[in-house]
C-alpha atoms as a PDB file:
ATOM      1  CA  MET A   1     -30.976  61.828-123.980  1.00  0.00           C
ATOM      2  CA  LEU A   2     -31.954  63.549-127.548  1.00  0.00           C
ATOM      3  CA  VAL A   3     -28.108  63.078-128.507  1.00  0.00           C
ATOM      4  CA  LYS A   4     -28.283  59.541-127.586  1.00  0.00           C
ATOM      5  CA  ARG A   5     -32.039  58.877-130.038  1.00  0.00           C
ATOM      6  CA  LEU A   6     -30.078  60.483-132.573  1.00  0.00           C
ATOM      7  CA  ILE A   7     -27.032  58.257-132.667  1.00  0.00           C
ATOM      8  CA  TYR A   8     -29.338  55.446-132.526  1.00  0.00           C
ATOM      9  CA  ALA A   9     -31.059  56.987-135.694  1.00  0.00           C
ATOM     10  CA  LEU A  10     -28.107  57.323-137.728  1.00  0.00           C
ATOM     11  CA  GLY A  11     -26.621  54.150-136.483  1.00  0.00           C
ATOM     12  CA  ALA A  12     -29.955  52.379-137.759  1.00  0.00           C
ATOM     13  CA  VAL A  13     -29.520  54.579-141.334  1.00  0.00           C
ATOM     14  CA  TRP A  14     -26.222  53.510-141.422  1.00  0.00           C
ATOM     15  CA  LEU A  15     -27.085  49.780-141.104  1.00  0.00           C
ATOM     16  CA  ALA A  16     -29.967  50.006-143.753  1.00  0.00           C
ATOM     17  CA  LEU A  17     -27.250  51.846-146.356  1.00  0.00           C
ATOM     18  CA  PHE A  18     -24.826  48.960-145.477  1.00  0.00           C
ATOM     19  CA  VAL A  19     -27.347  46.219-146.181  1.00  0.00           C
ATOM     20  CA  SER A  20     -28.866  47.526-149.417  1.00  0.00           C
ATOM     21  CA  ALA A  21     -25.492  48.023-150.745  1.00  0.00           C
ATOM     22  CA  PHE A  22     -24.934  44.201-150.257  1.00  0.00           C
ATOM     23  CA  LEU A  23     -28.819  43.692-151.469  1.00  0.00           C
ATOM     24  CA  GLY A  24     -27.525  45.968-154.460  1.00  0.00           C
ATOM     25  CA  LEU A  25     -24.859  43.104-155.646  1.00  0.00           C
ATOM     26  CA  GLN A  26     -27.366  40.657-155.295  1.00  0.00           C
ATOM     27  CA  VAL A  27     -30.477  42.089-157.364  1.00  0.00           C
ATOM     28  CA  THR A  28     -28.621  44.101-160.030  1.00  0.00           C
ATOM     29  CA  GLU A  29     -28.528  41.877-163.274  1.00  0.00           C
ATOM     30  CA  PRO A  30     -24.781  42.260-164.812  1.00  0.00           C
ATOM     31  CA  ALA A  31     -24.813  44.251-168.086  1.00  0.00           C
ATOM     32  CA  GLY A  32     -22.648  45.517-170.608  1.00  0.00           C
ATOM     33  CA  SER A  33     -19.949  44.105-172.702  1.00  0.00           C
ATOM     34  CA  GLU A  34     -16.981  41.301-171.990  1.00  0.00           C
ATOM     35  CA  PHE A  35     -14.520  43.925-170.529  1.00  0.00           C
ATOM     36  CA  ALA A  36     -17.517  45.998-168.677  1.00  0.00           C
ATOM     37  CA  ARG A  37     -19.557  43.231-167.669  1.00  0.00           C
ATOM     38  CA  SER A  38     -20.724  43.825-163.964  1.00  0.00           C
ATOM     39  CA  LEU A  39     -19.484  47.454-163.756  1.00  0.00           C
ATOM     40  CA  ASN A  40     -22.674  48.214-163.006  1.00  0.00           C
ATOM     41  CA  ARG A  41     -23.222  46.383-160.226  1.00  0.00           C
ATOM     42  CA  MET A  42     -20.006  47.569-158.481  1.00  0.00           C
ATOM     43  CA  VAL A  43     -21.385  51.378-159.297  1.00  0.00           C
ATOM     44  CA  SER A  44     -24.600  50.249-157.415  1.00  0.00           C
ATOM     45  CA  PHE A  45     -22.369  48.821-154.505  1.00  0.00           C
ATOM     46  CA  LEU A  46     -20.035  51.497-154.293  1.00  0.00           C
ATOM     47  CA  THR A  47     -23.313  54.288-154.338  1.00  0.00           C
ATOM     48  CA  TRP A  48     -24.722  52.875-151.602  1.00  0.00           C
ATOM     49  CA  HIS A  49     -21.642  52.200-149.637  1.00  0.00           C
ATOM     50  CA  GLY A  50     -20.647  55.873-150.266  1.00  0.00           C
ATOM     51  CA  GLY A  51     -24.003  56.752-148.875  1.00  0.00           C
ATOM     52  CA  ALA A  52     -23.075  54.559-145.864  1.00  0.00           C
ATOM     53  CA  LEU A  53     -19.540  56.171-145.509  1.00  0.00           C
ATOM     54  CA  VAL A  54     -21.143  59.493-145.124  1.00  0.00           C
ATOM     55  CA  VAL A  55     -23.518  58.633-142.557  1.00  0.00           C
ATOM     56  CA  ALA A  56     -21.016  56.810-140.543  1.00  0.00           C
ATOM     57  CA  ALA A  57     -18.418  60.147-140.859  1.00  0.00           C
ATOM     58  CA  VAL A  58     -21.382  62.506-139.373  1.00  0.00           C
ATOM     59  CA  LEU A  59     -22.119  59.610-136.695  1.00  0.00           C
ATOM     60  CA  ALA A  60     -18.421  59.601-135.511  1.00  0.00           C
ATOM     61  CA  LEU A  61     -18.861  63.562-135.702  1.00  0.00           C
ATOM     62  CA  ILE A  62     -21.815  63.318-133.200  1.00  0.00           C
ATOM     63  CA  THR A  63     -20.411  60.373-131.011  1.00  0.00           C
ATOM     64  CA  ARG A  64     -17.430  62.413-130.332  1.00  0.00           C
ATOM     65  CA  LEU A  65     -19.071  65.869-129.378  1.00  0.00           C
ATOM     66  CA  ALA A  66     -21.360  63.670-127.427  1.00  0.00           C
ATOM     67  CA  LEU A  67     -18.640  61.765-125.732  1.00  0.00           C
ATOM     68  CA  ALA A  68     -17.087  65.513-124.750  1.00  0.00           C
ATOM     69  CA  ARG A  69     -20.583  66.560-123.244  1.00  0.00           C
ATOM     70  CA  GLY A  70     -20.431  63.565-120.966  1.00  0.00           C
ATOM     71  CA  VAL A  71     -22.995  61.312-122.563  1.00  0.00           C
ATOM     72  CA  GLU A  72     -21.819  57.631-121.813  1.00  0.00           C
ATOM     73  CA  LYS A  73     -22.359  54.124-123.517  1.00  0.00           C
ATOM     74  CA  ILE A  74     -22.285  55.422-127.051  1.00  0.00           C
ATOM     75  CA  ARG A  75     -18.948  54.573-128.224  1.00  0.00           C
ATOM     76  CA  LEU A  76     -19.581  51.576-129.838  1.00  0.00           C
ATOM     77  CA  ILE A  77     -22.933  52.457-131.763  1.00  0.00           C
ATOM     78  CA  GLY A  78     -20.918  55.896-132.591  1.00  0.00           C
ATOM     79  CA  PHE A  79     -17.441  54.799-133.994  1.00  0.00           C
ATOM     80  CA  LEU A  80     -17.850  50.787-135.050  1.00  0.00           C
ATOM     81  CA  PRO A  81     -19.946  52.390-138.316  1.00  0.00           C
ATOM     82  CA  LEU A  82     -17.220  54.139-139.380  1.00  0.00           C
ATOM     83  CA  ALA A  83     -14.452  51.618-138.809  1.00  0.00           C
ATOM     84  CA  VAL A  84     -16.218  49.134-141.016  1.00  0.00           C
ATOM     85  CA  SER A  85     -16.698  51.334-143.671  1.00  0.00           C
ATOM     86  CA  VAL A  86     -13.250  52.480-143.811  1.00  0.00           C
ATOM     87  CA  PHE A  87     -12.141  48.769-143.518  1.00  0.00           C
ATOM     88  CA  LEU A  88     -14.220  47.669-146.321  1.00  0.00           C
ATOM     89  CA  VAL A  89     -12.688  50.508-148.518  1.00  0.00           C
ATOM     90  CA  VAL A  90      -9.795  50.027-147.665  1.00  0.00           C
ATOM     91  CA  SER A  91     -10.194  46.010-148.486  1.00  0.00           C
ATOM     92  CA  LEU A  92     -11.587  46.849-151.759  1.00  0.00           C
ATOM     93  CA  ILE A  93      -8.685  49.343-152.748  1.00  0.00           C
ATOM     94  CA  ALA A  94      -6.325  46.771-151.813  1.00  0.00           C
ATOM     95  CA  ILE A  95      -7.910  43.705-154.063  1.00  0.00           C
ATOM     96  CA  ILE A  96      -8.219  46.238-156.812  1.00  0.00           C
ATOM     97  CA  GLY A  97      -4.812  46.844-156.263  1.00  0.00           C
ATOM     98  CA  TYR A  98      -3.700  43.204-156.015  1.00  0.00           C
ATOM     99  CA  ARG A  99      -5.606  42.280-159.491  1.00  0.00           C
ATOM    100  CA  VAL A 100      -4.352  45.383-161.421  1.00  0.00           C
ATOM    101  CA  LEU A 101      -0.697  45.220-160.109  1.00  0.00           C
ATOM    102  CA  VAL A 102       0.387  41.956-158.778  1.00  0.00           C
ATOM    103  CA  ALA A 103      -2.326  39.136-160.664  1.00  0.00           C
ATOM    104  CA  PRO A 104      -0.924  39.804-164.085  1.00  0.00           C
ATOM    105  CA  SER A 105       2.613  38.949-163.191  1.00  0.00           C
ATOM    106  CA  PHE A 106       1.749  35.242-162.487  1.00  0.00           C
ATOM    107  CA  GLY A 107      -0.641  34.968-165.281  1.00  0.00           C
END
């Protein structure tokens, strides 16, 4: 039962960090010159999301160990944060790759 509470608590911490990443995009004012404008917003987003990714990885590891011990009904809350975080990072890398490698060919 203690492991289940730990998994739910880590899931709540992940959710708070994940939401904070998006709130940081809205709250942070863009600063810098024309070239570097809004990079501080991206740094804020990546910092919050990096923390969420670390918590999601720890959560998935604890969930895997708990499942091996026979704890039930924690698979979704244990592995979904890692899946969402990895999907977001891969999507961000794909968008940046598209903008850097493909988009200049059309303009």
